[in-house]
Amino acid sequence: MPRLGSKKSRYGCKQCKIRRVKCDENRPCGACARYRVECSLLSNATSDRSDVPSPITQASSDEPPASTASPPNNEASHPPDICHSGSVQEHLTLVQNSTPPGLTEHLTPADLSEITPSQWMFDLELMHHFTAHAYLTMPGVEQTKQIWGYAVPQEAFKFPFLMHSLLAFSANHLAYINPSKTSHFRLQSSTHQTAAVTSLNKALTNIGPDNCHALFVGASLTVMNAFADVRTYDLDVLIEIFKLIRGMEYVLGKATPMIEKGPFAAIVRPVGNAARPSPLLSAFLVDVQGLAYPRSNEPTPVELACIKAAEILRQGLQYSLESAPHPAMRAAMIWPISIESDFIELLKQRTDPAVRDVFKHYCRLLEYSSTDFWFFHRWRGVSHLL
């Protein structure tokens, strides 16, 4: 069955058919051009299609496209305790509609159940790399890394969405450390990320004690993959990733008490004795504090929104400095969850200098995180776009 709001690809290239993704039928197609691989449509441009039913005949059997609802706004509270209002279905809609453009290709349910023999070999390579190397690059102390390397793969055998998230992360890491094979591994990461989001959306409708732990780590991996595997590193894509983080966090926040008592509790548990903050982050915290004060006696509504967003950034960083082994990354995850949806609209426009100033400080947090984590590496220099 085709994805809602789209039509079946009937003359797609061989590469897209192998990957089980929709082909736009251009010559070369968009997917092949994006990944810089040879497109079969170029060599078959003059091939005879007389044996293919005409589009008029086929149209009678196609399902009519359905309209999709616009994702609703969701409000976020302040760190360190994150909670949201709104219905579960509203936030599921947000998750389903917030995958950053170019991040993944869309697969149908039938496609996800069909895997070629060569794909199995690729997947084995990805699993081996994750359990041997990639898990060591995860955030957290040594105990946390061991959970990622041993307990999470065991859990992934029971939940397809977690397995796909894990394999996508491994493929992204291989693409990062093997520049000569970047296109190959990005193909793998894109396929698994799409499958992960598709399966995750279904699982989120029935979150409970049996699957909440897998949902937590699966969603965490999906967000890291979103930062690692996008085709265009710009501010608009970053805001789309914000939506993904916010949509996931709402539903997973409902399971926090269960997660804290489960096998992955060490991942979310605050560290007992946080390391002394670096002089760089300490100076940055002072800069953020300056943004949280009014610059005039009668601030405008936009200025008030910026002050509030800056204060949320300050609170998130202060909390992270006191409780997280990697405070810059933790604060970078808290802020998109906690700011109000109206401020996200201001971030999209970026017409006010005060809005750009707050956004630039957040981008600096990403840049600090990129020194510790490879999946933020390509976001270095993003603050210079403001």
Protein backbone atom coordinates (compact mmCIF):
# COMPACT_ATOMS: atom_id res chain seq x y z
CA MET A 1 0.00 0.00 0.00
CA PRO A 2 1.46 3.40 -0.91
CA ARG A 3 2.21 6.00 1.72
CA LEU A 4 -0.74 8.34 2.34
CA GLY A 5 -0.66 11.38 0.13
CA SER A 6 1.65 9.81 -2.47
CA LYS A 7 1.49 7.56 -5.51
CA LYS A 8 3.27 4.33 -6.26
CA SER A 9 6.57 4.51 -8.11
CA ARG A 10 6.03 2.32 -11.19
CA TYR A 11 9.12 3.02 -13.27
CA GLY A 12 11.67 3.31 -10.45
CA CYS A 13 15.36 2.58 -10.88
CA LYS A 14 16.93 -0.73 -9.86
CA GLN A 15 18.86 0.85 -6.99
CA CYS A 16 15.69 2.18 -5.35
CA LYS A 17 13.96 -1.17 -5.83
CA ILE A 18 16.84 -2.92 -4.09
CA ARG A 19 16.66 -0.43 -1.21
CA ARG A 20 12.86 -0.72 -1.12
CA VAL A 21 12.36 3.03 -1.29
CA LYS A 22 10.22 5.24 -3.50
CA CYS A 23 11.92 6.50 -6.67
CA ASP A 24 11.05 9.92 -8.12
CA GLU A 25 11.76 8.51 -11.64
CA ASN A 26 13.96 11.43 -12.67
CA ARG A 27 17.07 10.68 -14.74
CA PRO A 28 19.09 10.28 -12.60
CA CYS A 29 16.63 9.86 -9.73
CA GLY A 30 16.93 12.04 -6.65
CA ALA A 31 18.04 9.21 -4.35
CA CYS A 32 20.89 8.10 -6.64
CA ALA A 33 21.98 11.70 -7.16
CA ARG A 34 21.94 12.32 -3.40
CA TYR A 35 24.09 9.28 -2.67
CA ARG A 36 26.26 9.68 -5.78
CA VAL A 37 25.62 6.22 -7.18
CA GLU A 38 24.94 5.21 -10.78
CA CYS A 39 21.23 5.28 -11.63
CA SER A 40 19.86 2.53 -13.88
CA LEU A 41 17.37 4.98 -15.40
CA LEU A 42 20.22 6.65 -17.27
CA SER A 43 21.12 3.42 -19.08
CA ASN A 44 17.48 2.44 -19.63
CA ALA A 45 16.24 5.80 -20.83
CA THR A 46 15.39 4.45 -24.27
CA SER A 47 14.07 1.07 -23.14
CA ASP A 48 10.66 -0.07 -24.38
CA ARG A 49 7.81 0.15 -21.88
CA SER A 50 5.21 -1.44 -24.12
CA ASP A 51 4.79 -4.37 -21.74
CA VAL A 52 3.85 -2.06 -18.87
CA PRO A 53 0.15 -1.23 -18.40
CA SER A 54 -0.70 2.34 -19.31
CA PRO A 55 -1.04 4.91 -16.53
CA ILE A 56 -4.71 5.30 -17.43
CA THR A 57 -5.35 1.59 -16.82
CA GLN A 58 -3.33 1.63 -13.64
CA ALA A 59 -5.08 4.70 -12.28
CA SER A 60 -8.29 2.80 -11.82
CA SER A 61 -6.64 0.49 -9.29
CA ASP A 62 -4.70 3.16 -7.39
CA GLU A 63 -5.95 4.21 -4.01
CA PRO A 64 -6.94 7.89 -3.87
CA PRO A 65 -4.46 10.01 -1.94
CA ALA A 66 -5.60 11.05 1.49
CA SER A 67 -4.95 14.37 3.11
CA THR A 68 -2.88 14.50 6.26
CA ALA A 69 -3.45 16.73 9.23
CA SER A 70 -0.96 19.38 10.13
CA PRO A 71 1.08 18.59 13.22
CA PRO A 72 -0.30 20.34 16.26
CA ASN A 73 1.59 22.68 18.49
CA ASN A 74 2.89 21.27 21.74
CA GLU A 75 3.93 23.20 24.80
CA ALA A 76 6.98 22.27 26.83
CA SER A 77 7.84 23.00 30.42
CA HIS A 78 11.13 23.87 32.05
CA PRO A 79 14.13 21.73 32.97
CA PRO A 80 15.15 19.71 34.80
CA ASP A 81 11.74 17.99 35.08
CA ILE A 82 10.27 17.83 31.59
CA CYS A 83 6.53 17.39 31.15
CA HIS A 84 4.05 18.37 28.47
CA SER A 85 0.37 18.91 27.94
CA GLY A 86 -1.80 17.64 25.11
CA SER A 87 -3.04 14.27 23.97
CA VAL A 88 -0.83 11.33 23.11
CA GLN A 89 -2.26 11.23 19.58
CA GLU A 90 -1.33 14.87 19.00
CA HIS A 91 2.29 14.20 19.85
CA LEU A 92 2.37 11.01 17.80
CA THR A 93 1.24 13.09 14.85
CA LEU A 94 4.11 15.46 15.56
CA VAL A 95 6.60 12.58 15.56
CA GLN A 96 5.24 11.20 12.31
CA ASN A 97 5.49 14.56 10.55
CA SER A 98 8.78 15.85 11.95
CA THR A 99 11.46 13.70 10.31
CA PRO A 100 13.93 16.23 8.86
CA PRO A 101 13.81 16.57 5.05
CA GLY A 102 16.46 14.44 3.40
CA LEU A 103 17.00 12.43 6.56
CA THR A 104 15.30 9.27 5.31
CA GLU A 105 13.49 7.70 2.40
CA HIS A 106 10.02 6.35 3.16
CA LEU A 107 9.31 2.64 3.13
CA THR A 108 5.96 0.90 3.00
CA PRO A 109 5.09 -1.85 5.52
CA ALA A 110 5.44 -4.47 2.77
CA ASP A 111 8.91 -3.19 1.92
CA LEU A 112 10.09 -3.51 5.52
CA SER A 113 9.31 -7.23 5.57
CA GLU A 114 11.42 -8.00 2.49
CA ILE A 115 15.20 -8.01 2.90
CA THR A 116 17.58 -9.27 0.24
CA PRO A 117 20.41 -11.72 1.06
CA SER A 118 22.99 -8.99 0.50
CA GLN A 119 21.16 -6.81 3.01
CA TRP A 120 21.56 -9.48 5.66
CA MET A 121 25.32 -9.36 5.12
CA PHE A 122 25.32 -5.59 5.42
CA ASP A 123 23.28 -5.83 8.63
CA LEU A 124 25.68 -8.36 10.14
CA GLU A 125 28.53 -5.98 9.40
CA LEU A 126 26.64 -3.17 11.11
CA MET A 127 25.81 -5.26 14.18
CA HIS A 128 29.42 -6.38 14.52
CA HIS A 129 30.65 -2.81 14.27
CA PHE A 130 28.19 -1.59 16.90
CA THR A 131 29.10 -4.25 19.47
CA ALA A 132 32.84 -3.93 18.77
CA HIS A 133 33.33 -0.20 18.31
CA ALA A 134 30.34 2.14 17.90
CA TYR A 135 28.88 1.62 21.38
CA LEU A 136 32.08 3.04 22.87
CA THR A 137 31.23 6.40 21.30
CA MET A 138 27.94 6.71 23.20
CA PRO A 139 27.52 9.37 25.91
CA GLY A 140 27.90 8.38 29.54
CA VAL A 141 30.27 6.86 32.04
CA GLU A 142 31.83 3.41 31.59
CA GLN A 143 28.86 1.60 33.15
CA THR A 144 26.53 3.34 30.70
CA LYS A 145 28.68 2.38 27.72
CA GLN A 146 28.58 -1.26 28.80
CA ILE A 147 24.79 -1.11 28.80
CA TRP A 148 24.83 0.26 25.26
CA GLY A 149 27.28 -2.40 24.14
CA TYR A 150 25.70 -5.49 25.71
CA ALA A 151 22.21 -4.98 27.14
CA VAL A 152 20.85 -2.79 24.35
CA PRO A 153 21.73 -5.24 21.51
CA GLN A 154 20.09 -8.06 23.49
CA GLU A 155 16.94 -5.97 23.85
CA ALA A 156 17.06 -5.11 20.14
CA PHE A 157 16.45 -8.75 19.17
CA LYS A 158 12.98 -8.41 20.71
CA PHE A 159 12.03 -5.05 19.19
CA PRO A 160 12.56 -4.33 15.47
CA PHE A 161 12.42 -0.54 15.93
CA LEU A 162 15.35 -0.71 18.34
CA MET A 163 17.32 -2.99 16.04
CA HIS A 164 16.84 -0.59 13.13
CA SER A 165 17.86 2.39 15.28
CA LEU A 166 20.96 0.55 16.45
CA LEU A 167 21.98 -0.47 12.91
CA ALA A 168 21.38 3.06 11.61
CA PHE A 169 23.68 4.43 14.32
CA SER A 170 26.36 1.90 13.40
CA ALA A 171 26.06 2.77 9.70
CA ASN A 172 26.36 6.47 10.47
CA HIS A 173 29.51 5.85 12.48
CA LEU A 174 31.02 3.76 9.69
CA ALA A 175 30.22 6.54 7.23
CA TYR A 176 32.01 8.97 9.53
CA ILE A 177 35.20 6.92 9.94
CA ASN A 178 35.33 5.65 6.32
CA PRO A 179 35.15 8.71 4.04
CA SER A 180 35.78 6.60 0.93
CA LYS A 181 32.62 4.54 1.64
CA THR A 182 30.41 7.31 2.95
CA SER A 183 27.78 6.91 0.22
CA HIS A 184 27.48 3.17 0.82
CA PHE A 185 27.00 3.46 4.57
CA ARG A 186 24.67 6.44 4.31
CA LEU A 187 22.43 4.29 2.13
CA GLN A 188 22.33 1.76 4.94
CA SER A 189 21.71 4.35 7.65
CA SER A 190 18.91 5.99 5.66
CA THR A 191 17.12 2.68 5.13
CA HIS A 192 17.33 1.65 8.78
CA GLN A 193 16.43 5.10 10.11
CA THR A 194 13.25 5.08 8.03
CA ALA A 195 12.35 1.61 9.26
CA ALA A 196 13.08 2.65 12.85
CA VAL A 197 10.79 5.70 12.73
CA THR A 198 8.01 3.69 11.05
CA SER A 199 8.13 0.91 13.65
CA LEU A 200 8.63 3.33 16.53
CA ASN A 201 5.48 5.25 15.65
CA LYS A 202 3.46 2.04 15.89
CA ALA A 203 5.02 1.00 19.21
CA LEU A 204 4.43 4.41 20.81
CA THR A 205 0.67 3.90 20.65
CA ASN A 206 0.94 1.19 23.31
CA ILE A 207 3.77 2.12 25.65
CA GLY A 208 4.02 0.00 28.79
CA PRO A 209 6.40 -1.79 31.17
CA ASP A 210 7.33 -4.41 28.56
CA ASN A 211 8.48 -2.04 25.83
CA CYS A 212 9.21 1.29 27.55
CA HIS A 213 12.92 0.50 27.99
CA ALA A 214 13.36 -0.35 24.32
CA LEU A 215 11.35 2.73 23.34
CA PHE A 216 13.58 4.95 25.44
CA VAL A 217 16.89 3.81 23.94
CA GLY A 218 15.36 3.49 20.46
CA ALA A 219 14.14 7.08 20.54
CA SER A 220 17.50 8.24 21.90
CA LEU A 221 19.31 6.55 19.02
CA THR A 222 16.84 7.99 16.53
CA VAL A 223 17.60 11.52 17.71
CA MET A 224 21.37 10.95 17.52
CA ASN A 225 20.91 9.52 14.03
CA ALA A 226 18.95 12.63 13.08
CA PHE A 227 21.93 14.80 13.97
CA ALA A 228 24.40 12.45 12.26
CA ASP A 229 22.61 11.63 9.00
CA VAL A 230 21.17 14.68 7.30
CA ARG A 231 22.08 15.89 3.83
CA THR A 232 22.00 19.62 4.56
CA TYR A 233 23.42 21.05 7.75
CA ASP A 234 21.53 24.30 8.18
CA LEU A 235 19.29 26.05 10.68
CA ASP A 236 15.99 24.97 9.13
CA VAL A 237 17.01 21.31 9.33
CA LEU A 238 18.07 21.86 12.93
CA ILE A 239 14.61 23.18 13.78
CA GLU A 240 13.04 20.11 12.18
CA ILE A 241 15.20 17.96 14.46
CA PHE A 242 13.84 19.99 17.39
CA LYS A 243 10.35 18.81 16.45
CA LEU A 244 11.52 15.20 16.42
CA ILE A 245 13.06 15.58 19.89
CA ARG A 246 9.93 17.23 21.29
CA GLY A 247 7.54 14.67 19.87
CA MET A 248 9.54 11.71 21.15
CA GLU A 249 10.18 13.20 24.58
CA TYR A 250 6.51 13.71 25.40
CA VAL A 251 5.57 10.05 25.08
CA LEU A 252 8.79 8.71 26.60
CA GLY A 253 8.42 11.09 29.53
CA LYS A 254 5.32 9.15 30.54
CA ALA A 255 7.49 6.08 31.14
CA THR A 256 10.29 7.71 33.16
CA PRO A 257 9.38 5.99 36.48
CA MET A 258 9.45 2.59 34.77
CA ILE A 259 12.71 3.35 32.96
CA GLU A 260 14.40 4.42 36.21
CA LYS A 261 13.63 0.98 37.67
CA GLY A 262 14.60 -1.00 34.58
CA PRO A 263 17.78 -2.39 32.96
CA PHE A 264 18.72 0.94 31.35
CA ALA A 265 18.31 3.07 34.48
CA ALA A 266 22.00 4.05 34.49
CA ILE A 267 21.52 5.89 31.20
CA VAL A 268 19.06 8.36 32.74
CA ARG A 269 20.38 8.40 36.31
CA PRO A 270 22.22 11.64 37.27
CA VAL A 271 25.88 11.17 38.10
CA GLY A 272 26.77 11.24 41.79
CA ASN A 273 29.72 13.58 41.55
CA ALA A 274 29.71 15.64 38.39
CA ALA A 275 33.10 16.66 37.05
CA ARG A 276 34.21 20.23 37.58
CA PRO A 277 32.91 22.29 34.63
CA SER A 278 35.43 23.41 32.07
CA PRO A 279 36.40 27.10 32.04
CA LEU A 280 34.86 27.31 28.57
CA LEU A 281 31.41 26.17 29.73
CA SER A 282 31.63 28.27 32.88
CA ALA A 283 32.29 31.38 30.80
CA PHE A 284 29.51 30.38 28.42
CA LEU A 285 27.06 30.09 31.32
CA VAL A 286 27.86 33.68 32.30
CA ASP A 287 27.15 34.80 28.72
CA VAL A 288 23.78 33.04 28.77
CA GLN A 289 22.89 34.65 32.10
CA GLY A 290 23.36 38.03 30.44
CA LEU A 291 20.76 37.13 27.81
CA ALA A 292 18.18 36.35 30.50
CA TYR A 293 17.91 39.96 31.68
CA PRO A 294 15.71 42.66 30.10
CA ARG A 295 17.55 45.14 27.91
CA SER A 296 14.91 47.84 28.31
CA ASN A 297 12.37 49.02 30.85
CA GLU A 298 9.47 48.07 28.59
CA PRO A 299 10.45 44.91 26.72
CA THR A 300 8.37 43.88 23.72
CA PRO A 301 6.58 40.50 23.58
CA VAL A 302 9.38 39.15 21.40
CA GLU A 303 12.01 40.38 23.86
CA LEU A 304 10.12 38.72 26.72
CA ALA A 305 10.01 35.46 24.75
CA CYS A 306 13.76 35.69 24.19
CA ILE A 307 14.40 36.34 27.88
CA LYS A 308 12.36 33.28 28.79
CA ALA A 309 14.14 31.11 26.21
CA ALA A 310 17.52 32.32 27.45
CA GLU A 311 16.55 31.54 31.04
CA ILE A 312 15.54 28.01 29.98
CA LEU A 313 18.93 27.63 28.30
CA ARG A 314 20.64 28.84 31.48
CA GLN A 315 18.63 26.49 33.71
CA GLY A 316 19.28 23.54 31.43
CA LEU A 317 23.01 24.16 31.36
CA GLN A 318 23.20 24.74 35.13
CA TYR A 319 21.31 21.50 35.77
CA SER A 320 23.50 19.61 33.31
CA LEU A 321 26.70 20.93 34.86
CA GLU A 322 25.55 19.56 38.21
CA SER A 323 24.22 16.18 37.07
CA ALA A 324 25.55 15.06 33.68
CA PRO A 325 28.94 13.70 32.58
CA HIS A 326 28.55 15.58 29.28
CA PRO A 327 26.78 18.81 30.25
CA ALA A 328 26.96 20.54 26.86
CA MET A 329 25.20 17.66 25.12
CA ARG A 330 22.64 17.26 27.89
CA ALA A 331 21.78 20.97 27.80
CA ALA A 332 21.56 20.83 24.01
CA MET A 333 18.86 18.15 24.36
CA ILE A 334 16.94 19.92 27.15
CA TRP A 335 16.48 23.27 25.44
CA PRO A 336 14.49 22.16 22.34
CA ILE A 337 12.16 20.20 24.63
CA SER A 338 11.59 23.04 27.06
CA ILE A 339 11.10 26.14 24.93
CA GLU A 340 7.57 27.10 23.94
CA SER A 341 6.22 26.29 20.49
CA ASP A 342 5.70 30.02 19.81
CA PHE A 343 9.42 30.58 20.21
CA ILE A 344 10.14 27.83 17.70
CA GLU A 345 8.08 29.84 15.21
CA LEU A 346 10.31 32.83 15.98
CA LEU A 347 13.34 30.63 15.35
CA LYS A 348 11.97 29.71 11.95
CA GLN A 349 11.62 33.38 10.99
CA ARG A 350 14.86 34.58 12.63
CA THR A 351 14.04 38.21 11.79
CA ASP A 352 14.61 39.65 15.27
CA PRO A 353 18.23 40.19 16.42
CA ALA A 354 17.39 39.03 19.96
CA VAL A 355 15.97 35.75 18.63
CA ARG A 356 19.08 35.17 16.54
CA ASP A 357 21.27 35.93 19.54
CA VAL A 358 19.58 33.28 21.71
CA PHE A 359 19.63 30.77 18.85
CA LYS A 360 23.32 31.46 18.26
CA HIS A 361 24.10 30.64 21.88
CA TYR A 362 22.27 27.33 21.54
CA CYS A 363 24.25 26.55 18.39
CA ARG A 364 27.43 27.17 20.34
CA LEU A 365 26.35 24.38 22.70
CA LEU A 366 26.16 22.03 19.71
CA GLU A 367 29.63 23.11 18.70
CA TYR A 368 30.96 22.37 22.19
CA SER A 369 29.31 18.94 22.01
CA SER A 370 30.93 18.24 18.64
CA THR A 371 34.33 18.06 20.30
CA ASP A 372 33.18 14.99 22.26
CA PHE A 373 30.72 13.25 19.93
CA TRP A 374 31.15 12.44 16.27
CA PHE A 375 27.43 12.64 15.46
CA PHE A 376 27.58 16.40 16.13
CA HIS A 377 30.79 16.83 14.12
CA ARG A 378 29.19 18.19 10.96
CA TRP A 379 27.38 20.83 13.01
CA ARG A 380 30.62 22.61 13.80
CA GLY A 381 30.41 26.19 12.64
CA VAL A 382 26.60 26.26 12.62
CA SER A 383 26.61 29.35 14.86
CA HIS A 384 28.28 31.28 12.03
CA LEU A 385 25.04 30.99 10.06
CA LEU A 386 23.47 33.49 12.48
